[in-house]
Amino acid sequence: MGIENAIDRKFFIIADHVTKHTSYTERDAVLFLAKDKALPDTLRYYHEKCAKLGADERQLKSVALLLDRVEAYQAAHPELCKVPDVDEGREDEIQCGAIQYIP
């Protein structure tokens, strides 16, 4: 399958669930990097949205602990943290619309 079928077009993703042994790729997942300065606020919003949708306490605790780990990472590695971006050229073409999504 080509990149036109991907939801996340910035990364090729191969992710295996640690207990369910299910796999995910860029066709059904997105990837955020711990160095992304927008991620802590994104996770706070996600936690709030999960709560409003009725997610159980395990999910809410999991997201809160993930936020703690991301904030600890960013505090320990400020030199690696950055504002999210999309590079000019091919990345821009892929990310911003020259290639259409085909489900």
PDB file of N, CA and C in Angstrom:
ATOM      1  N   MET A   1       0.839  -1.185   0.000  1.00  0.00           N
ATOM      2  CA  MET A   1       0.000   0.000   0.000  1.00  0.00           C
ATOM      3  C   MET A   1       0.883   1.247   0.000  1.00  0.00           C
ATOM      4  N   GLY A   2       0.453   2.250  -0.699  1.00  0.00           N
ATOM      5  CA  GLY A   2       1.224   3.471  -0.785  1.00  0.00           C
ATOM      6  C   GLY A   2       0.857   4.471   0.291  1.00  0.00           C
ATOM      7  N   ILE A   3       1.610   5.553   0.325  1.00  0.00           N
ATOM      8  CA  ILE A   3       1.413   6.607   1.324  1.00  0.00           C
ATOM      9  C   ILE A   3       0.038   7.259   1.176  1.00  0.00           C
ATOM     10  N   GLU A   4      -0.547   7.196  -0.031  1.00  0.00           N
ATOM     11  CA  GLU A   4      -1.869   7.792  -0.227  1.00  0.00           C
ATOM     12  C   GLU A   4      -2.939   7.087   0.617  1.00  0.00           C
ATOM     13  N   ASN A   5      -2.658   5.899   1.120  1.00  0.00           N
ATOM     14  CA  ASN A   5      -3.598   5.174   1.970  1.00  0.00           C
ATOM     15  C   ASN A   5      -3.340   5.413   3.460  1.00  0.00           C
ATOM     16  N   ALA A   6      -2.350   6.202   3.778  1.00  0.00           N
ATOM     17  CA  ALA A   6      -1.960   6.403   5.175  1.00  0.00           C
ATOM     18  C   ALA A   6      -2.738   7.541   5.817  1.00  0.00           C
ATOM     19  N   ILE A   7      -3.025   7.389   7.085  1.00  0.00           N
ATOM     20  CA  ILE A   7      -3.558   8.484   7.888  1.00  0.00           C
ATOM     21  C   ILE A   7      -2.382   9.342   8.345  1.00  0.00           C
ATOM     22  N   ASP A   8      -1.366   8.711   8.941  1.00  0.00           N
ATOM     23  CA  ASP A   8      -0.142   9.416   9.318  1.00  0.00           C
ATOM     24  C   ASP A   8       0.818   9.325   8.147  1.00  0.00           C
ATOM     25  N   ARG A   9       1.106  10.450   7.524  1.00  0.00           N
ATOM     26  CA  ARG A   9       1.968  10.455   6.347  1.00  0.00           C
ATOM     27  C   ARG A   9       3.374  10.952   6.637  1.00  0.00           C
ATOM     28  N   LYS A  10       3.677  11.190   7.895  1.00  0.00           N
ATOM     29  CA  LYS A  10       5.021  11.656   8.237  1.00  0.00           C
ATOM     30  C   LYS A  10       5.926  10.488   8.627  1.00  0.00           C
ATOM     31  N   PHE A  11       5.324   9.431   9.156  1.00  0.00           N
ATOM     32  CA  PHE A  11       6.094   8.290   9.665  1.00  0.00           C
ATOM     33  C   PHE A  11       5.512   6.983   9.150  1.00  0.00           C
ATOM     34  N   PHE A  12       6.386   6.029   8.874  1.00  0.00           N
ATOM     35  CA  PHE A  12       5.953   4.648   8.732  1.00  0.00           C
ATOM     36  C   PHE A  12       5.886   4.101  10.145  1.00  0.00           C
ATOM     37  N   ILE A  13       4.798   3.476  10.498  1.00  0.00           N
ATOM     38  CA  ILE A  13       4.575   3.030  11.876  1.00  0.00           C
ATOM     39  C   ILE A  13       4.409   1.515  11.890  1.00  0.00           C
ATOM     40  N   ILE A  14       5.129   0.887  12.786  1.00  0.00           N
ATOM     41  CA  ILE A  14       4.911  -0.523  13.102  1.00  0.00           C
ATOM     42  C   ILE A  14       4.815  -0.581  14.615  1.00  0.00           C
ATOM     43  N   ALA A  15       3.593  -0.714  15.114  1.00  0.00           N
ATOM     44  CA  ALA A  15       3.356  -0.685  16.556  1.00  0.00           C
ATOM     45  C   ALA A  15       2.620  -1.951  16.972  1.00  0.00           C
ATOM     46  N   ASP A  16       3.139  -2.629  17.981  1.00  0.00           N
ATOM     47  CA  ASP A  16       2.512  -3.836  18.505  1.00  0.00           C
ATOM     48  C   ASP A  16       2.029  -3.560  19.926  1.00  0.00           C
ATOM     49  N   HIS A  17       0.760  -3.851  20.172  1.00  0.00           N
ATOM     50  CA  HIS A  17       0.173  -3.680  21.501  1.00  0.00           C
ATOM     51  C   HIS A  17       0.875  -4.634  22.460  1.00  0.00           C
ATOM     52  N   VAL A  18       1.252  -4.154  23.628  1.00  0.00           N
ATOM     53  CA  VAL A  18       2.089  -4.947  24.534  1.00  0.00           C
ATOM     54  C   VAL A  18       1.365  -6.120  25.177  1.00  0.00           C
ATOM     55  N   THR A  19       0.042  -6.090  25.263  1.00  0.00           N
ATOM     56  CA  THR A  19      -0.667  -7.222  25.875  1.00  0.00           C
ATOM     57  C   THR A  19      -1.639  -7.912  24.928  1.00  0.00           C
ATOM     58  N   LYS A  20      -2.220  -7.186  23.984  1.00  0.00           N
ATOM     59  CA  LYS A  20      -3.227  -7.781  23.099  1.00  0.00           C
ATOM     60  C   LYS A  20      -2.616  -8.399  21.848  1.00  0.00           C
ATOM     61  N   HIS A  21      -1.354  -8.094  21.583  1.00  0.00           N
ATOM     62  CA  HIS A  21      -0.642  -8.621  20.415  1.00  0.00           C
ATOM     63  C   HIS A  21      -1.320  -8.249  19.103  1.00  0.00           C
ATOM     64  N   THR A  22      -1.944  -7.069  19.078  1.00  0.00           N
ATOM     65  CA  THR A  22      -2.473  -6.518  17.839  1.00  0.00           C
ATOM     66  C   THR A  22      -1.443  -5.544  17.282  1.00  0.00           C
ATOM     67  N   SER A  23      -1.478  -5.349  15.976  1.00  0.00           N
ATOM     68  CA  SER A  23      -0.492  -4.494  15.327  1.00  0.00           C
ATOM     69  C   SER A  23      -1.184  -3.331  14.638  1.00  0.00           C
ATOM     70  N   TYR A  24      -0.460  -2.210  14.556  1.00  0.00           N
ATOM     71  CA  TYR A  24      -0.967  -1.003  13.926  1.00  0.00           C
ATOM     72  C   TYR A  24       0.111  -0.418  13.031  1.00  0.00           C
ATOM     73  N   THR A  25      -0.351   0.283  11.985  1.00  0.00           N
ATOM     74  CA  THR A  25       0.566   0.946  11.063  1.00  0.00           C
ATOM     75  C   THR A  25       0.069   2.361  10.815  1.00  0.00           C
ATOM     76  N   GLU A  26       0.734   3.066   9.908  1.00  0.00           N
ATOM     77  CA  GLU A  26       0.322   4.424   9.544  1.00  0.00           C
ATOM     78  C   GLU A  26      -1.067   4.450   8.893  1.00  0.00           C
ATOM     79  N   ARG A  27      -1.595   3.304   8.512  1.00  0.00           N
ATOM     80  CA  ARG A  27      -2.945   3.234   7.936  1.00  0.00           C
ATOM     81  C   ARG A  27      -4.041   3.361   8.997  1.00  0.00           C
ATOM     82  N   ASP A  28      -3.696   3.091  10.277  1.00  0.00           N
ATOM     83  CA  ASP A  28      -4.722   3.152  11.319  1.00  0.00           C
ATOM     84  C   ASP A  28      -4.194   3.731  12.634  1.00  0.00           C
ATOM     85  N   ALA A  29      -3.085   4.457  12.561  1.00  0.00           N
ATOM     86  CA  ALA A  29      -2.493   5.038  13.771  1.00  0.00           C
ATOM     87  C   ALA A  29      -1.794   6.354  13.424  1.00  0.00           C
ATOM     88  N   VAL A  30      -1.535   7.133  14.446  1.00  0.00           N
ATOM     89  CA  VAL A  30      -0.732   8.349  14.314  1.00  0.00           C
ATOM     90  C   VAL A  30       0.371   8.304  15.354  1.00  0.00           C
ATOM     91  N   LEU A  31       1.444   9.014  15.078  1.00  0.00           N
ATOM     92  CA  LEU A  31       2.596   9.030  15.969  1.00  0.00           C
ATOM     93  C   LEU A  31       2.920  10.455  16.378  1.00  0.00           C
ATOM     94  N   PHE A  32       3.013  10.676  17.673  1.00  0.00           N
ATOM     95  CA  PHE A  32       3.503  11.942  18.212  1.00  0.00           C
ATOM     96  C   PHE A  32       4.823  11.650  18.911  1.00  0.00           C
ATOM     97  N   LEU A  33       5.774  12.557  18.798  1.00  0.00           N
ATOM     98  CA  LEU A  33       7.081  12.372  19.423  1.00  0.00           C
ATOM     99  C   LEU A  33       7.138  13.082  20.764  1.00  0.00           C
ATOM    100  N   ALA A  34       7.828  12.466  21.716  1.00  0.00           N
ATOM    101  CA  ALA A  34       7.944  13.039  23.057  1.00  0.00           C
ATOM    102  C   ALA A  34       8.627  14.400  23.035  1.00  0.00           C
ATOM    103  N   LYS A  35       9.411  14.689  22.009  1.00  0.00           N
ATOM    104  CA  LYS A  35      10.118  15.972  21.921  1.00  0.00           C
ATOM    105  C   LYS A  35       9.218  17.110  21.447  1.00  0.00           C
ATOM    106  N   ASP A  36       8.015  16.804  21.001  1.00  0.00           N
ATOM    107  CA  ASP A  36       7.073  17.781  20.460  1.00  0.00           C
ATOM    108  C   ASP A  36       6.547  18.675  21.584  1.00  0.00           C
ATOM    109  N   LYS A  37       6.852  19.952  21.526  1.00  0.00           N
ATOM    110  CA  LYS A  37       6.448  20.879  22.585  1.00  0.00           C
ATOM    111  C   LYS A  37       4.932  21.008  22.724  1.00  0.00           C
ATOM    112  N   ALA A  38       4.189  20.657  21.700  1.00  0.00           N
ATOM    113  CA  ALA A  38       2.726  20.721  21.764  1.00  0.00           C
ATOM    114  C   ALA A  38       2.120  19.474  22.417  1.00  0.00           C
ATOM    115  N   LEU A  39       2.906  18.417  22.598  1.00  0.00           N
ATOM    116  CA  LEU A  39       2.351  17.156  23.070  1.00  0.00           C
ATOM    117  C   LEU A  39       1.767  17.213  24.479  1.00  0.00           C
ATOM    118  N   PRO A  40       2.402  17.844  25.461  1.00  0.00           N
ATOM    119  CA  PRO A  40       1.774  17.856  26.787  1.00  0.00           C
ATOM    120  C   PRO A  40       0.359  18.449  26.774  1.00  0.00           C
ATOM    121  N   ASP A  41       0.167  19.561  26.110  1.00  0.00           N
ATOM    122  CA  ASP A  41      -1.174  20.140  26.030  1.00  0.00           C
ATOM    123  C   ASP A  41      -2.124  19.244  25.241  1.00  0.00           C
ATOM    124  N   THR A  42      -1.616  18.587  24.223  1.00  0.00           N
ATOM    125  CA  THR A  42      -2.423  17.648  23.447  1.00  0.00           C
ATOM    126  C   THR A  42      -2.906  16.516  24.339  1.00  0.00           C
ATOM    127  N   LEU A  43      -2.011  15.993  25.175  1.00  0.00           N
ATOM    128  CA  LEU A  43      -2.394  14.913  26.078  1.00  0.00           C
ATOM    129  C   LEU A  43      -3.371  15.381  27.158  1.00  0.00           C
ATOM    130  N   ARG A  44      -3.209  16.615  27.619  1.00  0.00           N
ATOM    131  CA  ARG A  44      -4.174  17.152  28.589  1.00  0.00           C
ATOM    132  C   ARG A  44      -5.565  17.220  27.978  1.00  0.00           C
ATOM    133  N   TYR A  45      -5.642  17.696  26.748  1.00  0.00           N
ATOM    134  CA  TYR A  45      -6.923  17.760  26.052  1.00  0.00           C
ATOM    135  C   TYR A  45      -7.485  16.354  25.842  1.00  0.00           C
ATOM    136  N   TYR A  46      -6.647  15.426  25.437  1.00  0.00           N
ATOM    137  CA  TYR A  46      -7.081  14.046  25.208  1.00  0.00           C
ATOM    138  C   TYR A  46      -7.633  13.441  26.494  1.00  0.00           C
ATOM    139  N   HIS A  47      -6.962  13.681  27.607  1.00  0.00           N
ATOM    140  CA  HIS A  47      -7.426  13.182  28.906  1.00  0.00           C
ATOM    141  C   HIS A  47      -8.814  13.739  29.218  1.00  0.00           C
ATOM    142  N   GLU A  48      -8.967  15.037  29.024  1.00  0.00           N
ATOM    143  CA  GLU A  48     -10.254  15.694  29.268  1.00  0.00           C
ATOM    144  C   GLU A  48     -11.343  15.113  28.365  1.00  0.00           C
ATOM    145  N   LYS A  49     -11.026  14.934  27.089  1.00  0.00           N
ATOM    146  CA  LYS A  49     -11.992  14.393  26.137  1.00  0.00           C
ATOM    147  C   LYS A  49     -12.359  12.955  26.496  1.00  0.00           C
ATOM    148  N   CYS A  50     -11.375  12.151  26.879  1.00  0.00           N
ATOM    149  CA  CYS A  50     -11.651  10.773  27.298  1.00  0.00           C
ATOM    150  C   CYS A  50     -12.620  10.762  28.484  1.00  0.00           C
ATOM    151  N   ALA A  51     -12.377  11.641  29.454  1.00  0.00           N
ATOM    152  CA  ALA A  51     -13.248  11.715  30.633  1.00  0.00           C
ATOM    153  C   ALA A  51     -14.667  12.090  30.229  1.00  0.00           C
ATOM    154  N   LYS A  52     -14.810  13.089  29.362  1.00  0.00           N
ATOM    155  CA  LYS A  52     -16.143  13.519  28.921  1.00  0.00           C
ATOM    156  C   LYS A  52     -16.867  12.429  28.145  1.00  0.00           C
ATOM    157  N   LEU A  53     -16.124  11.595  27.443  1.00  0.00           N
ATOM    158  CA  LEU A  53     -16.720  10.502  26.682  1.00  0.00           C
ATOM    159  C   LEU A  53     -17.065   9.298  27.553  1.00  0.00           C
ATOM    160  N   GLY A  54     -16.622   9.325  28.816  1.00  0.00           N
ATOM    161  CA  GLY A  54     -16.934   8.231  29.730  1.00  0.00           C
ATOM    162  C   GLY A  54     -15.896   7.136  29.801  1.00  0.00           C
ATOM    163  N   ALA A  55     -14.665   7.433  29.396  1.00  0.00           N
ATOM    164  CA  ALA A  55     -13.598   6.428  29.507  1.00  0.00           C
ATOM    165  C   ALA A  55     -13.419   6.037  30.969  1.00  0.00           C
ATOM    166  N   ASP A  56     -13.055   4.772  31.190  1.00  0.00           N
ATOM    167  CA  ASP A  56     -12.924   4.321  32.575  1.00  0.00           C
ATOM    168  C   ASP A  56     -11.639   4.840  33.218  1.00  0.00           C
ATOM    169  N   GLU A  57     -11.534   4.608  34.499  1.00  0.00           N
ATOM    170  CA  GLU A  57     -10.407   5.136  35.278  1.00  0.00           C
ATOM    171  C   GLU A  57      -9.059   4.599  34.814  1.00  0.00           C
ATOM    172  N   ARG A  58      -9.016   3.378  34.317  1.00  0.00           N
ATOM    173  CA  ARG A  58      -7.736   2.829  33.824  1.00  0.00           C
ATOM    174  C   ARG A  58      -7.218   3.645  32.646  1.00  0.00           C
ATOM    175  N   GLN A  59      -8.111   3.995  31.713  1.00  0.00           N
ATOM    176  CA  GLN A  59      -7.712   4.806  30.568  1.00  0.00           C
ATOM    177  C   GLN A  59      -7.239   6.180  31.025  1.00  0.00           C
ATOM    178  N   LEU A  60      -7.995   6.795  31.918  1.00  0.00           N
ATOM    179  CA  LEU A  60      -7.630   8.131  32.390  1.00  0.00           C
ATOM    180  C   LEU A  60      -6.294   8.109  33.127  1.00  0.00           C
ATOM    181  N   LYS A  61      -6.087   7.087  33.945  1.00  0.00           N
ATOM    182  CA  LYS A  61      -4.811   6.962  34.664  1.00  0.00           C
ATOM    183  C   LYS A  61      -3.666   6.735  33.676  1.00  0.00           C
ATOM    184  N   SER A  62      -3.908   5.918  32.664  1.00  0.00           N
ATOM    185  CA  SER A  62      -2.884   5.633  31.660  1.00  0.00           C
ATOM    186  C   SER A  62      -2.451   6.903  30.937  1.00  0.00           C
ATOM    187  N   VAL A  63      -3.419   7.735  30.553  1.00  0.00           N
ATOM    188  CA  VAL A  63      -3.099   8.980  29.862  1.00  0.00           C
ATOM    189  C   VAL A  63      -2.372   9.938  30.802  1.00  0.00           C
ATOM    190  N   ALA A  64      -2.803  10.010  32.054  1.00  0.00           N
ATOM    191  CA  ALA A  64      -2.139  10.890  33.028  1.00  0.00           C
ATOM    192  C   ALA A  64      -0.687  10.458  33.246  1.00  0.00           C
ATOM    193  N   LEU A  65      -0.444   9.161  33.325  1.00  0.00           N
ATOM    194  CA  LEU A  65       0.920   8.668  33.502  1.00  0.00           C
ATOM    195  C   LEU A  65       1.758   8.909  32.248  1.00  0.00           C
ATOM    196  N   LEU A  66       1.147   8.769  31.077  1.00  0.00           N
ATOM    197  CA  LEU A  66       1.840   9.085  29.825  1.00  0.00           C
ATOM    198  C   LEU A  66       2.253  10.553  29.812  1.00  0.00           C
ATOM    199  N   LEU A  67       1.341  11.432  30.206  1.00  0.00           N
ATOM    200  CA  LEU A  67       1.658  12.857  30.291  1.00  0.00           C
ATOM    201  C   LEU A  67       2.829  13.086  31.243  1.00  0.00           C
ATOM    202  N   ASP A  68       2.815  12.426  32.396  1.00  0.00           N
ATOM    203  CA  ASP A  68       3.928  12.556  33.350  1.00  0.00           C
ATOM    204  C   ASP A  68       5.253  12.149  32.708  1.00  0.00           C
ATOM    205  N   ARG A  69       5.247  11.049  31.963  1.00  0.00           N
ATOM    206  CA  ARG A  69       6.481  10.576  31.329  1.00  0.00           C
ATOM    207  C   ARG A  69       6.962  11.540  30.251  1.00  0.00           C
ATOM    208  N   VAL A  70       6.035  12.088  29.474  1.00  0.00           N
ATOM    209  CA  VAL A  70       6.405  13.045  28.435  1.00  0.00           C
ATOM    210  C   VAL A  70       6.981  14.309  29.067  1.00  0.00           C
ATOM    211  N   GLU A  71       6.335  14.814  30.108  1.00  0.00           N
ATOM    212  CA  GLU A  71       6.854  16.016  30.779  1.00  0.00           C
ATOM    213  C   GLU A  71       8.220  15.754  31.402  1.00  0.00           C
ATOM    214  N   ALA A  72       8.423  14.578  31.965  1.00  0.00           N
ATOM    215  CA  ALA A  72       9.732  14.232  32.541  1.00  0.00           C
ATOM    216  C   ALA A  72      10.787  14.166  31.432  1.00  0.00           C
ATOM    217  N   TYR A  73      10.431  13.580  30.304  1.00  0.00           N
ATOM    218  CA  TYR A  73      11.354  13.507  29.174  1.00  0.00           C
ATOM    219  C   TYR A  73      11.730  14.909  28.711  1.00  0.00           C
ATOM    220  N   GLN A  74      10.741  15.771  28.544  1.00  0.00           N
ATOM    221  CA  GLN A  74      11.013  17.119  28.062  1.00  0.00           C
ATOM    222  C   GLN A  74      11.843  17.913  29.064  1.00  0.00           C
ATOM    223  N   ALA A  75      11.597  17.716  30.353  1.00  0.00           N
ATOM    224  CA  ALA A  75      12.392  18.412  31.375  1.00  0.00           C
ATOM    225  C   ALA A  75      13.841  17.919  31.371  1.00  0.00           C
ATOM    226  N   ALA A  76      14.030  16.625  31.124  1.00  0.00           N
ATOM    227  CA  ALA A  76      15.372  16.049  31.114  1.00  0.00           C
ATOM    228  C   ALA A  76      16.127  16.327  29.817  1.00  0.00           C
ATOM    229  N   HIS A  77      15.409  16.620  28.738  1.00  0.00           N
ATOM    230  CA  HIS A  77      16.034  16.796  27.429  1.00  0.00           C
ATOM    231  C   HIS A  77      15.527  18.051  26.717  1.00  0.00           C
ATOM    232  N   PRO A  78      15.630  19.221  27.341  1.00  0.00           N
ATOM    233  CA  PRO A  78      15.103  20.428  26.693  1.00  0.00           C
ATOM    234  C   PRO A  78      15.782  20.745  25.363  1.00  0.00           C
ATOM    235  N   GLU A  79      17.013  20.330  25.206  1.00  0.00           N
ATOM    236  CA  GLU A  79      17.736  20.603  23.966  1.00  0.00           C
ATOM    237  C   GLU A  79      17.175  19.815  22.782  1.00  0.00           C
ATOM    238  N   LEU A  80      16.422  18.762  23.053  1.00  0.00           N
ATOM    239  CA  LEU A  80      15.830  17.956  21.991  1.00  0.00           C
ATOM    240  C   LEU A  80      14.406  18.383  21.638  1.00  0.00           C
ATOM    241  N   CYS A  81      13.793  19.161  22.521  1.00  0.00           N
ATOM    242  CA  CYS A  81      12.397  19.545  22.325  1.00  0.00           C
ATOM    243  C   CYS A  81      12.278  20.646  21.285  1.00  0.00           C
ATOM    244  N   LYS A  82      11.198  20.590  20.504  1.00  0.00           N
ATOM    245  CA  LYS A  82      11.043  21.567  19.436  1.00  0.00           C
ATOM    246  C   LYS A  82       9.577  21.798  19.111  1.00  0.00           C
ATOM    247  N   VAL A  83       9.350  22.910  18.442  1.00  0.00           N
ATOM    248  CA  VAL A  83       8.026  23.218  17.922  1.00  0.00           C
ATOM    249  C   VAL A  83       7.782  22.266  16.754  1.00  0.00           C
ATOM    250  N   PRO A  84       6.611  21.662  16.665  1.00  0.00           N
ATOM    251  CA  PRO A  84       6.351  20.747  15.556  1.00  0.00           C
ATOM    252  C   PRO A  84       6.456  21.467  14.213  1.00  0.00           C
ATOM    253  N   ASP A  85       6.858  20.707  13.197  1.00  0.00           N
ATOM    254  CA  ASP A  85       7.025  21.320  11.882  1.00  0.00           C
ATOM    255  C   ASP A  85       6.819  20.310  10.769  1.00  0.00           C
ATOM    256  N   VAL A  86       6.673  20.838   9.577  1.00  0.00           N
ATOM    257  CA  VAL A  86       6.657  20.060   8.342  1.00  0.00           C
ATOM    258  C   VAL A  86       7.684  20.712   7.433  1.00  0.00           C
ATOM    259  N   ASP A  87       8.649  19.922   6.984  1.00  0.00           N
ATOM    260  CA  ASP A  87       9.709  20.444   6.131  1.00  0.00           C
ATOM    261  C   ASP A  87       9.182  20.783   4.738  1.00  0.00           C
ATOM    262  N   GLU A  88       9.818  21.774   4.104  1.00  0.00           N
ATOM    263  CA  GLU A  88       9.492  22.129   2.725  1.00  0.00           C
ATOM    264  C   GLU A  88       9.850  20.977   1.794  1.00  0.00           C
ATOM    265  N   GLY A  89       9.254  20.991   0.630  1.00  0.00           N
ATOM    266  CA  GLY A  89       9.591  19.995  -0.380  1.00  0.00           C
ATOM    267  C   GLY A  89       8.689  18.787  -0.317  1.00  0.00           C
ATOM    268  N   ARG A  90       9.281  17.625  -0.432  1.00  0.00           N
ATOM    269  CA  ARG A  90       8.515  16.377  -0.526  1.00  0.00           C
ATOM    270  C   ARG A  90       7.649  16.159   0.716  1.00  0.00           C
ATOM    271  N   GLU A  91       8.169  16.423   1.915  1.00  0.00           N
ATOM    272  CA  GLU A  91       7.372  16.239   3.127  1.00  0.00           C
ATOM    273  C   GLU A  91       6.130  17.123   3.104  1.00  0.00           C
ATOM    274  N   ASP A  92       6.286  18.362   2.675  1.00  0.00           N
ATOM    275  CA  ASP A  92       5.160  19.284   2.555  1.00  0.00           C
ATOM    276  C   ASP A  92       4.139  18.750   1.550  1.00  0.00           C
ATOM    277  N   GLU A  93       4.608  18.258   0.427  1.00  0.00           N
ATOM    278  CA  GLU A  93       3.703  17.713  -0.592  1.00  0.00           C
ATOM    279  C   GLU A  93       2.896  16.544  -0.043  1.00  0.00           C
ATOM    280  N   ILE A  94       3.554  15.669   0.686  1.00  0.00           N
ATOM    281  CA  ILE A  94       2.887  14.493   1.237  1.00  0.00           C
ATOM    282  C   ILE A  94       1.931  14.892   2.361  1.00  0.00           C
ATOM    283  N   GLN A  95       2.380  15.756   3.255  1.00  0.00           N
ATOM    284  CA  GLN A  95       1.597  16.126   4.433  1.00  0.00           C
ATOM    285  C   GLN A  95       0.428  17.053   4.121  1.00  0.00           C
ATOM    286  N   CYS A  96       0.616  17.952   3.180  1.00  0.00           N
ATOM    287  CA  CYS A  96      -0.317  19.076   3.034  1.00  0.00           C
ATOM    288  C   CYS A  96      -1.156  19.047   1.765  1.00  0.00           C
ATOM    289  N   GLY A  97      -1.303  17.906   1.162  1.00  0.00           N
ATOM    290  CA  GLY A  97      -2.359  17.814   0.192  1.00  0.00           C
ATOM    291  C   GLY A  97      -2.077  17.519  -1.253  1.00  0.00           C
ATOM    292  N   ALA A  98      -0.836  17.489  -1.684  1.00  0.00           N
ATOM    293  CA  ALA A  98      -0.617  17.197  -3.095  1.00  0.00           C
ATOM    294  C   ALA A  98      -0.983  15.741  -3.405  1.00  0.00           C
ATOM    295  N   ILE A  99      -0.891  14.889  -2.393  1.00  0.00           N
ATOM    296  CA  ILE A  99      -1.272  13.477  -2.542  1.00  0.00           C
ATOM    297  C   ILE A  99      -2.577  13.285  -1.770  1.00  0.00           C
ATOM    298  N   GLN A 100      -3.605  12.823  -2.425  1.00  0.00           N
ATOM    299  CA  GLN A 100      -4.922  12.684  -1.811  1.00  0.00           C
ATOM    300  C   GLN A 100      -5.029  11.373  -1.045  1.00  0.00           C
ATOM    301  N   TYR A 101      -5.801  11.398   0.048  1.00  0.00           N
ATOM    302  CA  TYR A 101      -6.052  10.186   0.847  1.00  0.00           C
ATOM    303  C   TYR A 101      -7.021   9.273   0.104  1.00  0.00           C
ATOM    304  N   ILE A 102      -6.690   8.001   0.020  1.00  0.00           N
ATOM    305  CA  ILE A 102      -7.547   6.994  -0.590  1.00  0.00           C
ATOM    306  C   ILE A 102      -7.805   5.917   0.451  1.00  0.00           C
ATOM    307  N   PRO A 103      -8.991   5.865   1.032  1.00  0.00           N
ATOM    308  CA  PRO A 103      -9.260   4.851   2.085  1.00  0.00           C
ATOM    309  C   PRO A 103      -9.274   3.437   1.535  1.00  0.00           C
TER     310      PRO A 103
END
